[in-house]
């Protein structure tokens, strides 16, 4: 099977506090965008081997990869053992807050279930997905957007009639998600930076993880302030734990023009893409 594995942005991410299990309680809306990896999954005979390949150097190809974890979690739940070949054709950068690894894991779960004769219903796949990572269940839903609670893994499809043009900007550095959450409680706001919710027709856009991330990575608050001052920008926010910033524009032409300006502003090492949300 060959599946499209889309990225996501968080239109909002509100952190409610630390849970007894050490994770944080969140409220978030995840929205899929038209930037996607391609995941190819092949069932290749008896055994328990997993051959994982990727077009991008440096991506881990062992059991630390969420796609690899997805296969093992599926086998553990079903007792179905098989040799697998998985190839990840990556277009979504890692360490970006765009959910690329989580999306890959969901695609592998979906493919493994299909190729095994669909032994698991969606509710069981969602349960497995939540054990792999908080963002994974969102990508199992056919809806273009989902609301997440708990650690973010308790997802429900969200009505989302908008098709929003936007620009994604990821600087050269990644940000580990656990690091951002660990520093959330003791972090402080920087003077002159907009952290307040941005009221939009599709919701109130805010990200609680901007506070700890902006404290350390001063390029990101400067980039957010620059984006908010550009023509046609309706809102700008960090996605997830970063380091991707995104700006929603009024039109697709404005998104394309903003992407060109952002490449000049950020320099050659930044990854910049004009895209849109899925509908």
C-alpha atoms as a PDB file:
ATOM      1  CA  UNK A   1       0.000   0.000   0.000  1.00  0.00           C
ATOM      2  CA  UNK A   2       1.060   3.570  -0.643  1.00  0.00           C
ATOM      3  CA  UNK A   3      -0.491   6.228   1.568  1.00  0.00           C
ATOM      4  CA  UNK A   4      -0.297  10.004   1.809  1.00  0.00           C
ATOM      5  CA  UNK A   5       0.896  11.060   5.263  1.00  0.00           C
ATOM      6  CA  UNK A   6       0.011  14.745   5.816  1.00  0.00           C
ATOM      7  CA  UNK A   7       1.495  17.270   8.209  1.00  0.00           C
ATOM      8  CA  UNK A   8      -0.579  19.171  10.754  1.00  0.00           C
ATOM      9  CA  UNK A   9      -0.631  22.536  12.447  1.00  0.00           C
ATOM     10  CA  UNK A  10      -2.106  23.345  15.856  1.00  0.00           C
ATOM     11  CA  UNK A  11      -4.600  26.162  15.462  1.00  0.00           C
ATOM     12  CA  UNK A  12      -4.544  26.337  19.232  1.00  0.00           C
ATOM     13  CA  UNK A  13      -2.740  24.525  22.032  1.00  0.00           C
ATOM     14  CA  UNK A  14      -3.810  25.322  25.590  1.00  0.00           C
ATOM     15  CA  UNK A  15      -1.928  23.664  28.440  1.00  0.00           C
ATOM     16  CA  UNK A  16      -4.020  23.038  31.557  1.00  0.00           C
ATOM     17  CA  UNK A  17      -1.252  21.761  33.836  1.00  0.00           C
ATOM     18  CA  UNK A  18       0.779  18.683  34.692  1.00  0.00           C
ATOM     19  CA  UNK A  19      -1.053  15.363  35.188  1.00  0.00           C
ATOM     20  CA  UNK A  20      -0.251  12.727  37.844  1.00  0.00           C
ATOM     21  CA  UNK A  21       1.336  10.566  35.119  1.00  0.00           C
ATOM     22  CA  UNK A  22       3.880  13.298  34.348  1.00  0.00           C
ATOM     23  CA  UNK A  23       2.312  14.376  31.062  1.00  0.00           C
ATOM     24  CA  UNK A  24       0.401  17.631  30.579  1.00  0.00           C
ATOM     25  CA  UNK A  25      -3.339  18.080  30.111  1.00  0.00           C
ATOM     26  CA  UNK A  26      -4.014  19.955  26.877  1.00  0.00           C
ATOM     27  CA  UNK A  27      -6.796  21.254  24.674  1.00  0.00           C
ATOM     28  CA  UNK A  28      -5.824  21.532  21.040  1.00  0.00           C
ATOM     29  CA  UNK A  29      -7.152  21.639  17.522  1.00  0.00           C
ATOM     30  CA  UNK A  30      -5.031  19.815  14.969  1.00  0.00           C
ATOM     31  CA  UNK A  31      -5.593  20.711  11.339  1.00  0.00           C
ATOM     32  CA  UNK A  32      -4.094  18.744   8.443  1.00  0.00           C
ATOM     33  CA  UNK A  33      -2.282  20.625   5.696  1.00  0.00           C
ATOM     34  CA  UNK A  34      -1.427  19.859   2.082  1.00  0.00           C
ATOM     35  CA  UNK A  35       2.224  19.031   2.771  1.00  0.00           C
ATOM     36  CA  UNK A  36       2.640  15.274   3.029  1.00  0.00           C
ATOM     37  CA  UNK A  37       5.111  12.412   3.168  1.00  0.00           C
ATOM     38  CA  UNK A  38       4.459   9.234   1.207  1.00  0.00           C
ATOM     39  CA  UNK A  39       4.501   5.955   3.154  1.00  0.00           C
ATOM     40  CA  UNK A  40       4.834   2.634   1.333  1.00  0.00           C
ATOM     41  CA  UNK A  41       4.108  -0.540   3.300  1.00  0.00           C
ATOM     42  CA  UNK A  42       4.587  -4.078   1.993  1.00  0.00           C
ATOM     43  CA  UNK A  43       3.818  -7.349   3.725  1.00  0.00           C
ATOM     44  CA  UNK A  44       6.639  -9.596   2.573  1.00  0.00           C
ATOM     45  CA  UNK A  45       6.189 -13.058   4.031  1.00  0.00           C
ATOM     46  CA  UNK A  46       6.523 -14.824   7.351  1.00  0.00           C
ATOM     47  CA  UNK A  47       8.763 -13.615  10.152  1.00  0.00           C
ATOM     48  CA  UNK A  48       9.104 -10.603  12.423  1.00  0.00           C
ATOM     49  CA  UNK A  49      11.604  -8.546  10.466  1.00  0.00           C
ATOM     50  CA  UNK A  50      10.992  -4.863   9.713  1.00  0.00           C
ATOM     51  CA  UNK A  51      12.982  -3.269   6.907  1.00  0.00           C
ATOM     52  CA  UNK A  52      12.583   0.501   7.280  1.00  0.00           C
ATOM     53  CA  UNK A  53      14.095   2.873   4.716  1.00  0.00           C
ATOM     54  CA  UNK A  54      13.878   6.619   4.191  1.00  0.00           C
ATOM     55  CA  UNK A  55      14.969   9.113   1.545  1.00  0.00           C
ATOM     56  CA  UNK A  56      16.297  11.557   4.188  1.00  0.00           C
ATOM     57  CA  UNK A  57      19.673  10.828   5.822  1.00  0.00           C
ATOM     58  CA  UNK A  58      19.742  10.937   9.594  1.00  0.00           C
ATOM     59  CA  UNK A  59      16.195   9.709  10.199  1.00  0.00           C
ATOM     60  CA  UNK A  60      16.416   6.796  12.693  1.00  0.00           C
ATOM     61  CA  UNK A  61      15.530   3.480  11.067  1.00  0.00           C
ATOM     62  CA  UNK A  62      15.321   1.386  14.237  1.00  0.00           C
ATOM     63  CA  UNK A  63      12.686   0.885  16.942  1.00  0.00           C
ATOM     64  CA  UNK A  64      12.955   4.524  18.017  1.00  0.00           C
ATOM     65  CA  UNK A  65      11.134   5.510  14.817  1.00  0.00           C
ATOM     66  CA  UNK A  66       7.377   5.873  15.380  1.00  0.00           C
ATOM     67  CA  UNK A  67       6.630   3.977  12.153  1.00  0.00           C
ATOM     68  CA  UNK A  68       8.631   1.037  13.495  1.00  0.00           C
ATOM     69  CA  UNK A  69       6.825   1.316  16.840  1.00  0.00           C
ATOM     70  CA  UNK A  70       3.494   1.247  15.004  1.00  0.00           C
ATOM     71  CA  UNK A  71       4.274  -2.150  13.453  1.00  0.00           C
ATOM     72  CA  UNK A  72       5.299  -3.628  16.805  1.00  0.00           C
ATOM     73  CA  UNK A  73       2.223  -2.207  18.562  1.00  0.00           C
ATOM     74  CA  UNK A  74      -0.039  -3.636  15.850  1.00  0.00           C
ATOM     75  CA  UNK A  75       1.603  -7.069  16.154  1.00  0.00           C
ATOM     76  CA  UNK A  76       1.316  -7.038  19.924  1.00  0.00           C
ATOM     77  CA  UNK A  77      -2.410  -6.252  19.796  1.00  0.00           C
ATOM     78  CA  UNK A  78      -3.329  -8.691  17.031  1.00  0.00           C
ATOM     79  CA  UNK A  79      -0.765 -11.472  17.431  1.00  0.00           C
ATOM     80  CA  UNK A  80      -0.315 -11.157  13.659  1.00  0.00           C
ATOM     81  CA  UNK A  81       3.374 -11.546  12.758  1.00  0.00           C
ATOM     82  CA  UNK A  82       4.708 -10.774   9.328  1.00  0.00           C
ATOM     83  CA  UNK A  83       7.832  -9.477   7.657  1.00  0.00           C
ATOM     84  CA  UNK A  84       7.386  -5.850   6.657  1.00  0.00           C
ATOM     85  CA  UNK A  85       9.070  -3.462   4.279  1.00  0.00           C
ATOM     86  CA  UNK A  86       8.342   0.212   4.947  1.00  0.00           C
ATOM     87  CA  UNK A  87       9.659   3.187   3.012  1.00  0.00           C
ATOM     88  CA  UNK A  88       9.221   6.778   4.157  1.00  0.00           C
ATOM     89  CA  UNK A  89       9.473   9.392   1.416  1.00  0.00           C
ATOM     90  CA  UNK A  90       9.861  12.442   3.650  1.00  0.00           C
ATOM     91  CA  UNK A  91       8.815  15.978   2.754  1.00  0.00           C
ATOM     92  CA  UNK A  92       7.839  17.033   6.292  1.00  0.00           C
ATOM     93  CA  UNK A  93      10.881  18.115   8.324  1.00  0.00           C
ATOM     94  CA  UNK A  94      11.519  16.454  11.690  1.00  0.00           C
ATOM     95  CA  UNK A  95      11.593  18.304  15.009  1.00  0.00           C
ATOM     96  CA  UNK A  96       9.240  20.826  13.448  1.00  0.00           C
ATOM     97  CA  UNK A  97       5.979  20.568  15.420  1.00  0.00           C
ATOM     98  CA  UNK A  98       4.232  19.394  12.236  1.00  0.00           C
ATOM     99  CA  UNK A  99       3.552  15.810  13.319  1.00  0.00           C
ATOM    100  CA  UNK A 100       5.488  14.118  10.527  1.00  0.00           C
ATOM    101  CA  UNK A 101       6.571  11.108  12.588  1.00  0.00           C
ATOM    102  CA  UNK A 102       3.106  10.742  14.118  1.00  0.00           C
ATOM    103  CA  UNK A 103       1.487  10.908  10.686  1.00  0.00           C
ATOM    104  CA  UNK A 104       3.876   8.213   9.394  1.00  0.00           C
ATOM    105  CA  UNK A 105       2.972   5.967  12.350  1.00  0.00           C
ATOM    106  CA  UNK A 106      -0.746   6.379  11.666  1.00  0.00           C
ATOM    107  CA  UNK A 107      -0.228   5.533   7.991  1.00  0.00           C
ATOM    108  CA  UNK A 108       1.673   2.366   8.936  1.00  0.00           C
ATOM    109  CA  UNK A 109      -1.070   1.341  11.384  1.00  0.00           C
ATOM    110  CA  UNK A 110      -3.726   1.863   8.721  1.00  0.00           C
ATOM    111  CA  UNK A 111      -1.751  -0.068   6.110  1.00  0.00           C
ATOM    112  CA  UNK A 112      -0.843  -2.951   8.440  1.00  0.00           C
ATOM    113  CA  UNK A 113      -4.494  -3.340   9.354  1.00  0.00           C
ATOM    114  CA  UNK A 114      -5.609  -3.299   5.694  1.00  0.00           C
ATOM    115  CA  UNK A 115      -2.929  -5.741   4.579  1.00  0.00           C
ATOM    116  CA  UNK A 116      -3.811  -8.085   7.451  1.00  0.00           C
ATOM    117  CA  UNK A 117      -7.491  -8.261   6.507  1.00  0.00           C
ATOM    118  CA  UNK A 118      -8.732  -5.482   8.831  1.00  0.00           C
ATOM    119  CA  UNK A 119      -8.661  -7.384  12.142  1.00  0.00           C
ATOM    120  CA  UNK A 120      -9.027  -4.161  14.187  1.00  0.00           C
ATOM    121  CA  UNK A 121     -11.869  -1.606  14.141  1.00  0.00           C
ATOM    122  CA  UNK A 122     -11.102   2.112  14.257  1.00  0.00           C
ATOM    123  CA  UNK A 123     -11.611   2.452  18.020  1.00  0.00           C
ATOM    124  CA  UNK A 124      -8.892  -0.148  18.686  1.00  0.00           C
ATOM    125  CA  UNK A 125      -6.556   1.452  16.184  1.00  0.00           C
ATOM    126  CA  UNK A 126      -7.080   4.791  17.948  1.00  0.00           C
ATOM    127  CA  UNK A 127      -6.250   3.175  21.284  1.00  0.00           C
ATOM    128  CA  UNK A 128      -3.021   1.716  19.888  1.00  0.00           C
ATOM    129  CA  UNK A 129      -2.184   5.045  18.264  1.00  0.00           C
ATOM    130  CA  UNK A 130      -2.560   6.924  21.538  1.00  0.00           C
ATOM    131  CA  UNK A 131       0.001   4.623  23.115  1.00  0.00           C
ATOM    132  CA  UNK A 132       2.513   5.426  20.381  1.00  0.00           C
ATOM    133  CA  UNK A 133       2.223   9.201  20.589  1.00  0.00           C
ATOM    134  CA  UNK A 134      -0.290  11.901  21.461  1.00  0.00           C
ATOM    135  CA  UNK A 135      -0.637  13.199  17.872  1.00  0.00           C
ATOM    136  CA  UNK A 136      -0.926   9.794  16.177  1.00  0.00           C
ATOM    137  CA  UNK A 137      -4.714   9.247  16.627  1.00  0.00           C
ATOM    138  CA  UNK A 138      -5.549  12.498  14.820  1.00  0.00           C
ATOM    139  CA  UNK A 139      -4.088  11.123  11.589  1.00  0.00           C
ATOM    140  CA  UNK A 140      -6.276   8.004  11.709  1.00  0.00           C
ATOM    141  CA  UNK A 141      -9.404  10.144  11.375  1.00  0.00           C
ATOM    142  CA  UNK A 142     -10.646  11.019   7.901  1.00  0.00           C
ATOM    143  CA  UNK A 143     -11.666  14.503   9.074  1.00  0.00           C
ATOM    144  CA  UNK A 144      -9.402  17.420   8.041  1.00  0.00           C
ATOM    145  CA  UNK A 145      -9.357  18.698  11.638  1.00  0.00           C
ATOM    146  CA  UNK A 146      -9.711  17.177  15.091  1.00  0.00           C
ATOM    147  CA  UNK A 147      -9.965  18.397  18.667  1.00  0.00           C
ATOM    148  CA  UNK A 148      -7.604  16.738  21.120  1.00  0.00           C
ATOM    149  CA  UNK A 149      -7.865  16.493  24.915  1.00  0.00           C
ATOM    150  CA  UNK A 150      -6.041  14.504  27.583  1.00  0.00           C
ATOM    151  CA  UNK A 151      -2.435  14.369  26.401  1.00  0.00           C
ATOM    152  CA  UNK A 152      -3.898  15.301  23.016  1.00  0.00           C
ATOM    153  CA  UNK A 153      -4.571  11.651  22.155  1.00  0.00           C
ATOM    154  CA  UNK A 154      -8.331  11.725  22.884  1.00  0.00           C
ATOM    155  CA  UNK A 155      -9.533  13.011  19.530  1.00  0.00           C
ATOM    156  CA  UNK A 156     -12.889  13.838  18.014  1.00  0.00           C
ATOM    157  CA  UNK A 157     -13.439  15.052  14.424  1.00  0.00           C
ATOM    158  CA  UNK A 158     -14.001  18.803  14.210  1.00  0.00           C
ATOM    159  CA  UNK A 159     -16.254  20.574  11.748  1.00  0.00           C
ATOM    160  CA  UNK A 160     -13.906  22.700   9.687  1.00  0.00           C
ATOM    161  CA  UNK A 161     -15.379  24.289   6.534  1.00  0.00           C
ATOM    162  CA  UNK A 162     -12.409  26.601   5.911  1.00  0.00           C
ATOM    163  CA  UNK A 163      -9.577  26.095   3.434  1.00  0.00           C
ATOM    164  CA  UNK A 164      -6.916  28.408   4.814  1.00  0.00           C
ATOM    165  CA  UNK A 165      -3.894  29.529   2.780  1.00  0.00           C
ATOM    166  CA  UNK A 166      -0.779  29.608   4.923  1.00  0.00           C
ATOM    167  CA  UNK A 167       3.000  29.688   5.013  1.00  0.00           C
ATOM    168  CA  UNK A 168       5.097  27.236   7.043  1.00  0.00           C
ATOM    169  CA  UNK A 169       8.555  28.369   8.162  1.00  0.00           C
ATOM    170  CA  UNK A 170      10.944  26.034   9.967  1.00  0.00           C
ATOM    171  CA  UNK A 171      14.397  27.327  10.922  1.00  0.00           C
ATOM    172  CA  UNK A 172      17.387  25.002  10.706  1.00  0.00           C
ATOM    173  CA  UNK A 173      17.115  23.859  14.333  1.00  0.00           C
ATOM    174  CA  UNK A 174      14.634  21.279  15.708  1.00  0.00           C
ATOM    175  CA  UNK A 175      12.933  21.438  19.108  1.00  0.00           C
ATOM    176  CA  UNK A 176      12.342  18.262  21.163  1.00  0.00           C
ATOM    177  CA  UNK A 177       8.753  18.163  22.420  1.00  0.00           C
ATOM    178  CA  UNK A 178       9.599  16.824  25.937  1.00  0.00           C
ATOM    179  CA  UNK A 179      12.064  19.692  26.411  1.00  0.00           C
ATOM    180  CA  UNK A 180       9.387  22.308  25.670  1.00  0.00           C
ATOM    181  CA  UNK A 181       6.837  20.787  28.059  1.00  0.00           C
ATOM    182  CA  UNK A 182       9.392  20.391  30.851  1.00  0.00           C
ATOM    183  CA  UNK A 183      10.115  24.118  30.780  1.00  0.00           C
ATOM    184  CA  UNK A 184       6.537  25.325  30.404  1.00  0.00           C
ATOM    185  CA  UNK A 185       5.687  25.836  34.102  1.00  0.00           C
ATOM    186  CA  UNK A 186       8.671  28.054  34.977  1.00  0.00           C
ATOM    187  CA  UNK A 187       8.868  29.988  31.714  1.00  0.00           C
ATOM    188  CA  UNK A 188       8.013  33.682  31.350  1.00  0.00           C
ATOM    189  CA  UNK A 189       6.761  35.887  28.564  1.00  0.00           C
ATOM    190  CA  UNK A 190       9.168  38.150  26.683  1.00  0.00           C
ATOM    191  CA  UNK A 191       8.361  41.837  26.624  1.00  0.00           C
ATOM    192  CA  UNK A 192       6.871  43.112  23.356  1.00  0.00           C
ATOM    193  CA  UNK A 193       5.860  39.685  22.007  1.00  0.00           C
ATOM    194  CA  UNK A 194       2.213  38.808  21.303  1.00  0.00           C
ATOM    195  CA  UNK A 195       1.165  35.732  23.302  1.00  0.00           C
ATOM    196  CA  UNK A 196      -2.520  36.677  23.672  1.00  0.00           C
ATOM    197  CA  UNK A 197      -5.151  34.720  21.722  1.00  0.00           C
ATOM    198  CA  UNK A 198      -5.702  35.904  18.152  1.00  0.00           C
ATOM    199  CA  UNK A 199      -9.441  35.892  17.494  1.00  0.00           C
ATOM    200  CA  UNK A 200     -10.267  34.436  14.076  1.00  0.00           C
ATOM    201  CA  UNK A 201     -13.457  33.125  12.428  1.00  0.00           C
ATOM    202  CA  UNK A 202     -12.214  29.532  12.929  1.00  0.00           C
ATOM    203  CA  UNK A 203     -11.278  29.968  16.601  1.00  0.00           C
ATOM    204  CA  UNK A 204      -9.037  31.662  19.144  1.00  0.00           C
ATOM    205  CA  UNK A 205      -5.435  30.978  18.124  1.00  0.00           C
ATOM    206  CA  UNK A 206      -2.933  30.616  20.959  1.00  0.00           C
ATOM    207  CA  UNK A 207      -0.055  28.286  21.878  1.00  0.00           C
ATOM    208  CA  UNK A 208       1.064  27.837  25.481  1.00  0.00           C
ATOM    209  CA  UNK A 209       4.381  26.332  24.403  1.00  0.00           C
ATOM    210  CA  UNK A 210       5.490  29.579  22.777  1.00  0.00           C
ATOM    211  CA  UNK A 211       6.474  30.857  26.230  1.00  0.00           C
ATOM    212  CA  UNK A 212       9.260  28.325  26.987  1.00  0.00           C
ATOM    213  CA  UNK A 213      10.386  27.968  23.367  1.00  0.00           C
ATOM    214  CA  UNK A 214      10.589  31.725  22.729  1.00  0.00           C
ATOM    215  CA  UNK A 215      12.692  32.204  25.871  1.00  0.00           C
ATOM    216  CA  UNK A 216      15.492  30.078  24.418  1.00  0.00           C
ATOM    217  CA  UNK A 217      15.104  30.514  20.650  1.00  0.00           C
ATOM    218  CA  UNK A 218      14.839  34.283  20.158  1.00  0.00           C
ATOM    219  CA  UNK A 219      14.597  34.000  16.375  1.00  0.00           C
ATOM    220  CA  UNK A 220      11.063  32.592  16.725  1.00  0.00           C
ATOM    221  CA  UNK A 221       9.410  35.517  18.575  1.00  0.00           C
ATOM    222  CA  UNK A 222      11.136  37.905  16.174  1.00  0.00           C
ATOM    223  CA  UNK A 223       9.780  35.860  13.260  1.00  0.00           C
ATOM    224  CA  UNK A 224       6.273  35.864  14.723  1.00  0.00           C
ATOM    225  CA  UNK A 225       6.316  39.639  15.150  1.00  0.00           C
ATOM    226  CA  UNK A 226       7.605  40.071  11.592  1.00  0.00           C
ATOM    227  CA  UNK A 227       4.890  37.796  10.184  1.00  0.00           C
ATOM    228  CA  UNK A 228       2.124  39.672  11.998  1.00  0.00           C
ATOM    229  CA  UNK A 229       3.282  42.868  10.330  1.00  0.00           C
ATOM    230  CA  UNK A 230       3.131  41.513   6.789  1.00  0.00           C
ATOM    231  CA  UNK A 231       0.440  42.292   4.236  1.00  0.00           C
ATOM    232  CA  UNK A 232      -2.559  39.955   4.272  1.00  0.00           C
ATOM    233  CA  UNK A 233      -1.558  38.012   7.399  1.00  0.00           C
ATOM    234  CA  UNK A 234      -4.577  37.174   9.554  1.00  0.00           C
ATOM    235  CA  UNK A 235      -2.729  35.302  12.314  1.00  0.00           C
ATOM    236  CA  UNK A 236       0.708  33.853  13.082  1.00  0.00           C
ATOM    237  CA  UNK A 237       1.570  31.138  15.594  1.00  0.00           C
ATOM    238  CA  UNK A 238       4.051  28.416  16.453  1.00  0.00           C
ATOM    239  CA  UNK A 239       2.847  24.899  15.599  1.00  0.00           C
ATOM    240  CA  UNK A 240       3.009  22.365  18.432  1.00  0.00           C
ATOM    241  CA  UNK A 241       6.350  22.573  20.228  1.00  0.00           C
ATOM    242  CA  UNK A 242       8.017  24.189  17.204  1.00  0.00           C
ATOM    243  CA  UNK A 243      10.253  25.100  15.667  1.00  0.00           C
ATOM    244  CA  UNK A 244       7.829  25.760  12.773  1.00  0.00           C
ATOM    245  CA  UNK A 245       6.039  29.087  12.706  1.00  0.00           C
ATOM    246  CA  UNK A 246       3.049  29.512  10.428  1.00  0.00           C
ATOM    247  CA  UNK A 247       1.080  32.476   9.129  1.00  0.00           C
ATOM    248  CA  UNK A 248      -2.463  32.312   7.773  1.00  0.00           C
ATOM    249  CA  UNK A 249      -3.139  34.745   4.938  1.00  0.00           C
ATOM    250  CA  UNK A 250      -6.276  36.033   3.255  1.00  0.00           C
ATOM    251  CA  UNK A 251      -5.452  34.564  -0.175  1.00  0.00           C
ATOM    252  CA  UNK A 252      -3.228  31.948  -1.741  1.00  0.00           C
ATOM    253  CA  UNK A 253      -1.426  34.641  -3.763  1.00  0.00           C
ATOM    254  CA  UNK A 254      -0.545  36.439  -0.529  1.00  0.00           C
ATOM    255  CA  UNK A 255       0.779  33.170   0.935  1.00  0.00           C
ATOM    256  CA  UNK A 256       3.022  32.651  -2.101  1.00  0.00           C
ATOM    257  CA  UNK A 257       4.338  36.217  -1.896  1.00  0.00           C
ATOM    258  CA  UNK A 258       4.896  35.916   1.852  1.00  0.00           C
ATOM    259  CA  UNK A 259       6.858  32.684   1.356  1.00  0.00           C
ATOM    260  CA  UNK A 260       9.265  34.510  -0.962  1.00  0.00           C
ATOM    261  CA  UNK A 261       9.706  37.318   1.561  1.00  0.00           C
ATOM    262  CA  UNK A 262      10.198  34.802   4.377  1.00  0.00           C
ATOM    263  CA  UNK A 263      12.984  33.033   2.464  1.00  0.00           C
ATOM    264  CA  UNK A 264      14.818  36.344   2.183  1.00  0.00           C
ATOM    265  CA  UNK A 265      14.137  37.237   5.841  1.00  0.00           C
ATOM    266  CA  UNK A 266      15.137  33.851   7.299  1.00  0.00           C
ATOM    267  CA  UNK A 267      18.019  32.940   4.996  1.00  0.00           C
ATOM    268  CA  UNK A 268      18.865  29.856   2.989  1.00  0.00           C
ATOM    269  CA  UNK A 269      18.880  27.378   5.895  1.00  0.00           C
ATOM    270  CA  UNK A 270      15.163  27.770   6.631  1.00  0.00           C
ATOM    271  CA  UNK A 271      12.502  25.462   5.181  1.00  0.00           C
ATOM    272  CA  UNK A 272       9.668  27.612   3.794  1.00  0.00           C
ATOM    273  CA  UNK A 273       6.514  26.338   2.067  1.00  0.00           C
ATOM    274  CA  UNK A 274       3.290  28.026   0.970  1.00  0.00           C
ATOM    275  CA  UNK A 275       0.395  25.593   1.340  1.00  0.00           C
ATOM    276  CA  UNK A 276      -3.188  25.345   2.636  1.00  0.00           C
ATOM    277  CA  UNK A 277      -5.263  23.406   5.114  1.00  0.00           C
ATOM    278  CA  UNK A 278      -7.099  20.314   3.893  1.00  0.00           C
ATOM    279  CA  UNK A 279     -10.872  20.413   3.596  1.00  0.00           C
END
